[in-house]
PDB file of N, CA and C in Angstrom:
ATOM      1  N   MET A   1     -41.279 -29.676   6.018  1.00  0.00           N
ATOM      2  CA  MET A   1     -40.659 -29.605   7.269  1.00  0.00           C
ATOM      3  C   MET A   1     -39.265 -28.633   7.365  1.00  0.00           C
ATOM      4  N   ARG A   2     -38.690 -28.803   6.180  1.00  0.00           N
ATOM      5  CA  ARG A   2     -37.461 -28.260   6.202  1.00  0.00           C
ATOM      6  C   ARG A   2     -37.689 -26.800   6.200  1.00  0.00           C
ATOM      7  N   PHE A   3     -38.401 -26.346   5.614  1.00  0.00           N
ATOM      8  CA  PHE A   3     -38.811 -24.820   5.297  1.00  0.00           C
ATOM      9  C   PHE A   3     -39.067 -24.292   6.518  1.00  0.00           C
ATOM     10  N   TRP A   4     -40.040 -25.003   7.027  1.00  0.00           N
ATOM     11  CA  TRP A   4     -40.268 -24.661   8.871  1.00  0.00           C
ATOM     12  C   TRP A   4     -39.119 -24.707   9.782  1.00  0.00           C
ATOM     13  N   THR A   5     -38.154 -25.652   9.621  1.00  0.00           N
ATOM     14  CA  THR A   5     -37.066 -25.625  10.466  1.00  0.00           C
ATOM     15  C   THR A   5     -36.091 -24.424  10.352  1.00  0.00           C
ATOM     16  N   THR A   6     -35.785 -24.470   8.910  1.00  0.00           N
ATOM     17  CA  THR A   6     -34.864 -23.267   8.649  1.00  0.00           C
ATOM     18  C   THR A   6     -35.457 -21.935   9.260  1.00  0.00           C
ATOM     19  N   PHE A   7     -36.559 -21.627   8.801  1.00  0.00           N
ATOM     20  CA  PHE A   7     -37.350 -20.271   8.957  1.00  0.00           C
ATOM     21  C   PHE A   7     -37.239 -20.230  10.762  1.00  0.00           C
ATOM     22  N   MET A   8     -37.634 -21.224  11.536  1.00  0.00           N
ATOM     23  CA  MET A   8     -37.650 -20.988  12.773  1.00  0.00           C
ATOM     24  C   MET A   8     -36.215 -20.814  13.364  1.00  0.00           C
ATOM     25  N   ASP A   9     -35.227 -21.691  12.801  1.00  0.00           N
ATOM     26  CA  ASP A   9     -33.887 -21.316  13.286  1.00  0.00           C
ATOM     27  C   ASP A   9     -33.160 -19.961  13.041  1.00  0.00           C
ATOM     28  N   CYS A  10     -33.714 -19.550  11.875  1.00  0.00           N
ATOM     29  CA  CYS A  10     -33.050 -17.985  11.449  1.00  0.00           C
ATOM     30  C   CYS A  10     -33.907 -17.105  12.295  1.00  0.00           C
ATOM     31  N   TRP A  11     -35.227 -17.303  12.564  1.00  0.00           N
ATOM     32  CA  TRP A  11     -36.256 -16.348  13.389  1.00  0.00           C
ATOM     33  C   TRP A  11     -35.475 -16.123  14.712  1.00  0.00           C
ATOM     34  N   GLY A  12     -35.139 -17.341  15.448  1.00  0.00           N
ATOM     35  CA  GLY A  12     -34.417 -17.613  16.640  1.00  0.00           C
ATOM     36  C   GLY A  12     -33.233 -16.808  17.048  1.00  0.00           C
ATOM     37  N   GLN A  13     -32.321 -16.648  15.817  1.00  0.00           N
ATOM     38  CA  GLN A  13     -31.121 -16.211  15.712  1.00  0.00           C
ATOM     39  C   GLN A  13     -31.145 -14.883  15.298  1.00  0.00           C
ATOM     40  N   ALA A  14     -32.191 -14.437  14.820  1.00  0.00           N
ATOM     41  CA  ALA A  14     -32.389 -13.087  14.146  1.00  0.00           C
ATOM     42  C   ALA A  14     -32.112 -11.964  15.289  1.00  0.00           C
ATOM     43  N   ASP A  15     -31.457 -11.103  15.017  1.00  0.00           N
ATOM     44  CA  ASP A  15     -31.501  -9.948  16.115  1.00  0.00           C
ATOM     45  C   ASP A  15     -32.272  -8.691  15.616  1.00  0.00           C
ATOM     46  N   LEU A  16     -33.668  -8.676  15.573  1.00  0.00           N
ATOM     47  CA  LEU A  16     -34.847  -7.935  15.175  1.00  0.00           C
ATOM     48  C   LEU A  16     -34.993  -6.899  16.018  1.00  0.00           C
ATOM     49  N   SER A  17     -35.244  -5.709  15.380  1.00  0.00           N
ATOM     50  CA  SER A  17     -35.933  -4.556  16.265  1.00  0.00           C
ATOM     51  C   SER A  17     -37.036  -4.641  16.481  1.00  0.00           C
ATOM     52  N   ASP A  18     -37.703  -4.012  17.370  1.00  0.00           N
ATOM     53  CA  ASP A  18     -38.851  -3.939  17.676  1.00  0.00           C
ATOM     54  C   ASP A  18     -39.869  -3.737  16.536  1.00  0.00           C
ATOM     55  N   ALA A  19     -39.524  -3.224  15.562  1.00  0.00           N
ATOM     56  CA  ALA A  19     -40.138  -2.821  14.405  1.00  0.00           C
ATOM     57  C   ALA A  19     -40.253  -4.022  13.296  1.00  0.00           C
ATOM     58  N   GLU A  20     -39.285  -4.660  13.670  1.00  0.00           N
ATOM     59  CA  GLU A  20     -38.954  -6.020  12.480  1.00  0.00           C
ATOM     60  C   GLU A  20     -39.785  -6.826  13.129  1.00  0.00           C
ATOM     61  N   LEU A  21     -40.059  -6.950  14.377  1.00  0.00           N
ATOM     62  CA  LEU A  21     -40.620  -8.072  15.192  1.00  0.00           C
ATOM     63  C   LEU A  21     -42.004  -8.044  14.900  1.00  0.00           C
ATOM     64  N   ASP A  22     -42.698  -6.662  14.951  1.00  0.00           N
ATOM     65  CA  ASP A  22     -43.887  -6.459  14.625  1.00  0.00           C
ATOM     66  C   ASP A  22     -44.435  -6.526  13.078  1.00  0.00           C
ATOM     67  N   ALA A  23     -43.529  -6.391  12.114  1.00  0.00           N
ATOM     68  CA  ALA A  23     -43.783  -6.836  10.835  1.00  0.00           C
ATOM     69  C   ALA A  23     -43.757  -8.425  10.317  1.00  0.00           C
ATOM     70  N   TYR A  24     -42.516  -9.009  11.024  1.00  0.00           N
ATOM     71  CA  TYR A  24     -42.252 -10.330  10.916  1.00  0.00           C
ATOM     72  C   TYR A  24     -43.219 -11.445  11.612  1.00  0.00           C
ATOM     73  N   GLY A  25     -43.979 -10.562  12.803  1.00  0.00           N
ATOM     74  CA  GLY A  25     -44.574 -11.445  13.508  1.00  0.00           C
ATOM     75  C   GLY A  25     -45.789 -12.171  12.913  1.00  0.00           C
ATOM     76  N   GLU A  26     -46.367 -11.736  11.865  1.00  0.00           N
ATOM     77  CA  GLU A  26     -47.327 -12.366  11.095  1.00  0.00           C
ATOM     78  C   GLU A  26     -46.791 -13.655  10.153  1.00  0.00           C
ATOM     79  N   ALA A  27     -45.769 -13.240   9.715  1.00  0.00           N
ATOM     80  CA  ALA A  27     -44.998 -14.439   9.174  1.00  0.00           C
ATOM     81  C   ALA A  27     -44.550 -15.508   9.771  1.00  0.00           C
ATOM     82  N   TYR A  28     -44.188 -15.078  11.089  1.00  0.00           N
ATOM     83  CA  TYR A  28     -43.824 -16.301  12.056  1.00  0.00           C
ATOM     84  C   TYR A  28     -45.049 -17.375  12.235  1.00  0.00           C
ATOM     85  N   ASP A  29     -46.433 -16.294  12.646  1.00  0.00           N
ATOM     86  CA  ASP A  29     -47.487 -17.112  12.865  1.00  0.00           C
ATOM     87  C   ASP A  29     -47.809 -18.010  11.911  1.00  0.00           C
ATOM     88  N   VAL A  30     -47.702 -17.578  10.719  1.00  0.00           N
ATOM     89  CA  VAL A  30     -48.030 -18.441   9.278  1.00  0.00           C
ATOM     90  C   VAL A  30     -47.222 -19.828   9.154  1.00  0.00           C
ATOM     91  N   VAL A  31     -45.979 -19.211   9.587  1.00  0.00           N
ATOM     92  CA  VAL A  31     -45.080 -20.755   9.431  1.00  0.00           C
ATOM     93  C   VAL A  31     -45.283 -21.618  10.467  1.00  0.00           C
ATOM     94  N   TYR A  32     -45.395 -21.054  11.727  1.00  0.00           N
ATOM     95  CA  TYR A  32     -45.590 -21.865  13.048  1.00  0.00           C
ATOM     96  C   TYR A  32     -46.492 -22.750  12.773  1.00  0.00           C
ATOM     97  N   MET A  33     -47.900 -22.043  12.181  1.00  0.00           N
ATOM     98  CA  MET A  33     -48.844 -23.268  11.989  1.00  0.00           C
ATOM     99  C   MET A  33     -48.910 -24.016  10.933  1.00  0.00           C
ATOM    100  N   GLY A  34     -47.821 -24.179   9.946  1.00  0.00           N
ATOM    101  CA  GLY A  34     -47.754 -24.703   8.767  1.00  0.00           C
ATOM    102  C   GLY A  34     -47.389 -26.147   9.296  1.00  0.00           C
ATOM    103  N   ALA A  35     -47.972 -27.314   8.460  1.00  0.00           N
ATOM    104  CA  ALA A  35     -47.756 -28.560   8.588  1.00  0.00           C
ATOM    105  C   ALA A  35     -47.623 -29.412   7.403  1.00  0.00           C
ATOM    106  N   GLU A  36     -47.025 -30.218   7.253  1.00  0.00           N
ATOM    107  CA  GLU A  36     -47.138 -31.092   5.897  1.00  0.00           C
ATOM    108  C   GLU A  36     -48.187 -31.699   5.894  1.00  0.00           C
ATOM    109  N   GLY A  37     -48.423 -32.113   4.232  1.00  0.00           N
ATOM    110  CA  GLY A  37     -49.725 -33.144   4.072  1.00  0.00           C
ATOM    111  C   GLY A  37     -50.953 -32.561   4.291  1.00  0.00           C
ATOM    112  N   PRO A  38     -51.871 -33.360   4.016  1.00  0.00           N
ATOM    113  CA  PRO A  38     -53.281 -32.954   4.173  1.00  0.00           C
ATOM    114  C   PRO A  38     -53.543 -32.528   5.851  1.00  0.00           C
ATOM    115  N   ILE A  39     -54.373 -31.541   5.999  1.00  0.00           N
ATOM    116  CA  ILE A  39     -54.889 -31.298   7.234  1.00  0.00           C
ATOM    117  C   ILE A  39     -56.077 -31.640   7.649  1.00  0.00           C
ATOM    118  N   ALA A  40     -56.122 -32.297   8.674  1.00  0.00           N
ATOM    119  CA  ALA A  40     -57.624 -32.767   8.909  1.00  0.00           C
ATOM    120  C   ALA A  40     -58.325 -31.659   9.310  1.00  0.00           C
ATOM    121  N   PRO A  41     -59.783 -32.056   9.142  1.00  0.00           N
ATOM    122  CA  PRO A  41     -60.982 -30.658   9.546  1.00  0.00           C
ATOM    123  C   PRO A  41     -60.704 -30.115  10.906  1.00  0.00           C
ATOM    124  N   ARG A  42     -60.346 -31.167  12.074  1.00  0.00           N
ATOM    125  CA  ARG A  42     -60.551 -30.668  13.311  1.00  0.00           C
ATOM    126  C   ARG A  42     -59.090 -29.845  13.633  1.00  0.00           C
ATOM    127  N   ASP A  43     -58.259 -30.377  12.776  1.00  0.00           N
ATOM    128  CA  ASP A  43     -56.908 -29.459  12.937  1.00  0.00           C
ATOM    129  C   ASP A  43     -56.949 -27.884  12.057  1.00  0.00           C
ATOM    130  N   SER A  44     -57.503 -28.178  11.017  1.00  0.00           N
ATOM    131  CA  SER A  44     -57.632 -26.804  10.256  1.00  0.00           C
ATOM    132  C   SER A  44     -58.856 -25.989  11.073  1.00  0.00           C
ATOM    133  N   ALA A  45     -59.832 -26.522  11.891  1.00  0.00           N
ATOM    134  CA  ALA A  45     -60.518 -25.604  12.671  1.00  0.00           C
ATOM    135  C   ALA A  45     -59.627 -24.713  13.779  1.00  0.00           C
ATOM    136  N   VAL A  46     -58.398 -25.368  14.173  1.00  0.00           N
ATOM    137  CA  VAL A  46     -57.425 -24.541  15.016  1.00  0.00           C
ATOM    138  C   VAL A  46     -56.601 -23.775  14.455  1.00  0.00           C
ATOM    139  N   GLY A  47     -56.561 -23.976  13.244  1.00  0.00           N
ATOM    140  CA  GLY A  47     -55.600 -23.075  12.575  1.00  0.00           C
ATOM    141  C   GLY A  47     -54.546 -23.619  11.852  1.00  0.00           C
ATOM    142  N   LEU A  48     -54.555 -24.872  11.543  1.00  0.00           N
ATOM    143  CA  LEU A  48     -53.358 -25.579  10.985  1.00  0.00           C
ATOM    144  C   LEU A  48     -53.237 -25.305   9.562  1.00  0.00           C
ATOM    145  N   LEU A  49     -52.163 -25.167   8.942  1.00  0.00           N
ATOM    146  CA  LEU A  49     -52.295 -24.671   7.677  1.00  0.00           C
ATOM    147  C   LEU A  49     -51.409 -25.589   6.804  1.00  0.00           C
ATOM    148  N   ASN A  50     -51.987 -26.060   5.450  1.00  0.00           N
ATOM    149  CA  ASN A  50     -51.277 -27.147   4.660  1.00  0.00           C
ATOM    150  C   ASN A  50     -50.279 -26.098   3.961  1.00  0.00           C
ATOM    151  N   ASP A  51     -49.473 -26.822   3.121  1.00  0.00           N
ATOM    152  CA  ASP A  51     -48.122 -26.340   2.509  1.00  0.00           C
ATOM    153  C   ASP A  51     -48.531 -25.063   1.765  1.00  0.00           C
ATOM    154  N   SER A  52     -49.813 -25.235   0.826  1.00  0.00           N
ATOM    155  CA  SER A  52     -49.994 -24.467  -0.082  1.00  0.00           C
ATOM    156  C   SER A  52     -50.745 -22.977   0.510  1.00  0.00           C
ATOM    157  N   GLU A  53     -51.524 -23.180   1.664  1.00  0.00           N
ATOM    158  CA  GLU A  53     -52.056 -22.230   2.284  1.00  0.00           C
ATOM    159  C   GLU A  53     -50.902 -21.377   2.924  1.00  0.00           C
ATOM    160  N   VAL A  54     -49.903 -22.258   3.293  1.00  0.00           N
ATOM    161  CA  VAL A  54     -48.589 -21.110   3.808  1.00  0.00           C
ATOM    162  C   VAL A  54     -48.080 -20.134   2.922  1.00  0.00           C
ATOM    163  N   LYS A  55     -47.928 -20.909   1.675  1.00  0.00           N
ATOM    164  CA  LYS A  55     -47.259 -20.431   0.505  1.00  0.00           C
ATOM    165  C   LYS A  55     -48.031 -19.141   0.076  1.00  0.00           C
ATOM    166  N   ALA A  56     -49.184 -19.189   0.266  1.00  0.00           N
ATOM    167  CA  ALA A  56     -50.250 -18.194  -0.512  1.00  0.00           C
ATOM    168  C   ALA A  56     -49.918 -17.171   0.518  1.00  0.00           C
ATOM    169  N   ARG A  57     -50.366 -17.427   1.913  1.00  0.00           N
ATOM    170  CA  ARG A  57     -50.174 -16.311   2.912  1.00  0.00           C
ATOM    171  C   ARG A  57     -48.915 -15.584   2.983  1.00  0.00           C
ATOM    172  N   LEU A  58     -47.787 -16.340   2.785  1.00  0.00           N
ATOM    173  CA  LEU A  58     -46.924 -15.667   2.760  1.00  0.00           C
ATOM    174  C   LEU A  58     -46.481 -14.744   1.441  1.00  0.00           C
ATOM    175  N   ARG A  59     -47.089 -15.299   0.313  1.00  0.00           N
ATOM    176  CA  ARG A  59     -46.737 -14.210  -0.630  1.00  0.00           C
ATOM    177  C   ARG A  59     -47.811 -12.916  -0.278  1.00  0.00           C
ATOM    178  N   GLU A  60     -49.066 -13.037   0.060  1.00  0.00           N
ATOM    179  CA  GLU A  60     -49.881 -12.077   0.670  1.00  0.00           C
ATOM    180  C   GLU A  60     -49.000 -10.858   1.202  1.00  0.00           C
ATOM    181  N   PHE A  61     -48.345 -11.938   2.476  1.00  0.00           N
ATOM    182  CA  PHE A  61     -47.508 -10.908   3.350  1.00  0.00           C
ATOM    183  C   PHE A  61     -46.586  -9.912   2.906  1.00  0.00           C
ATOM    184  N   ARG A  62     -45.767 -10.902   1.775  1.00  0.00           N
ATOM    185  CA  ARG A  62     -44.559 -10.104   1.212  1.00  0.00           C
ATOM    186  C   ARG A  62     -44.919  -9.029   0.205  1.00  0.00           C
ATOM    187  N   ALA A  63     -46.209  -9.057  -0.360  1.00  0.00           N
ATOM    188  CA  ALA A  63     -47.012  -8.043  -1.044  1.00  0.00           C
ATOM    189  C   ALA A  63     -47.099  -6.850  -0.423  1.00  0.00           C
ATOM    190  N   ARG A  64     -47.510  -7.038   0.823  1.00  0.00           N
ATOM    191  CA  ARG A  64     -48.137  -5.959   1.737  1.00  0.00           C
ATOM    192  C   ARG A  64     -47.017  -5.279   2.194  1.00  0.00           C
ATOM    193  N   TRP A  65     -45.850  -6.081   2.747  1.00  0.00           N
ATOM    194  CA  TRP A  65     -44.837  -5.226   3.305  1.00  0.00           C
ATOM    195  C   TRP A  65     -43.902  -4.792   2.543  1.00  0.00           C
ATOM    196  N   THR A  66     -43.653  -5.365   1.084  1.00  0.00           N
ATOM    197  CA  THR A  66     -42.839  -4.737   0.361  1.00  0.00           C
ATOM    198  C   THR A  66     -43.018  -3.860  -0.749  1.00  0.00           C
ATOM    199  N   GLY A  67     -44.583  -3.937  -0.894  1.00  0.00           N
ATOM    200  CA  GLY A  67     -45.473  -2.968  -1.799  1.00  0.00           C
ATOM    201  C   GLY A  67     -45.104  -3.422  -3.283  1.00  0.00           C
ATOM    202  N   GLY A  68     -44.761  -4.706  -3.158  1.00  0.00           N
ATOM    203  CA  GLY A  68     -44.243  -5.276  -4.825  1.00  0.00           C
ATOM    204  C   GLY A  68     -45.212  -6.129  -4.910  1.00  0.00           C
ATOM    205  N   PRO A  69     -45.022  -6.853  -6.152  1.00  0.00           N
ATOM    206  CA  PRO A  69     -46.088  -8.068  -6.431  1.00  0.00           C
ATOM    207  C   PRO A  69     -45.490  -9.306  -5.810  1.00  0.00           C
ATOM    208  N   PRO A  70     -46.699  -9.866  -5.344  1.00  0.00           N
ATOM    209  CA  PRO A  70     -46.200 -11.360  -4.733  1.00  0.00           C
ATOM    210  C   PRO A  70     -45.273 -12.247  -5.697  1.00  0.00           C
ATOM    211  N   ALA A  71     -44.218 -12.812  -5.006  1.00  0.00           N
ATOM    212  CA  ALA A  71     -43.279 -13.577  -5.847  1.00  0.00           C
ATOM    213  C   ALA A  71     -43.794 -14.967  -6.032  1.00  0.00           C
TER     214      ALA A  71
END
């Protein structure tokens, strides 16, 4: 949850351009849907993601937007 809170605080305070908002909208959605611990099947069905899913999706996001290998 510390990462979630930090990311959301930074997002809310960032002065992003329209292009940056488009680019980072996907990352925001991934982090927003992240939850700690195991995810119940009913919660997973509505899009909640566990820690490892959030990390994997953010790596994919980074690779797509930076053109570099995932970190």
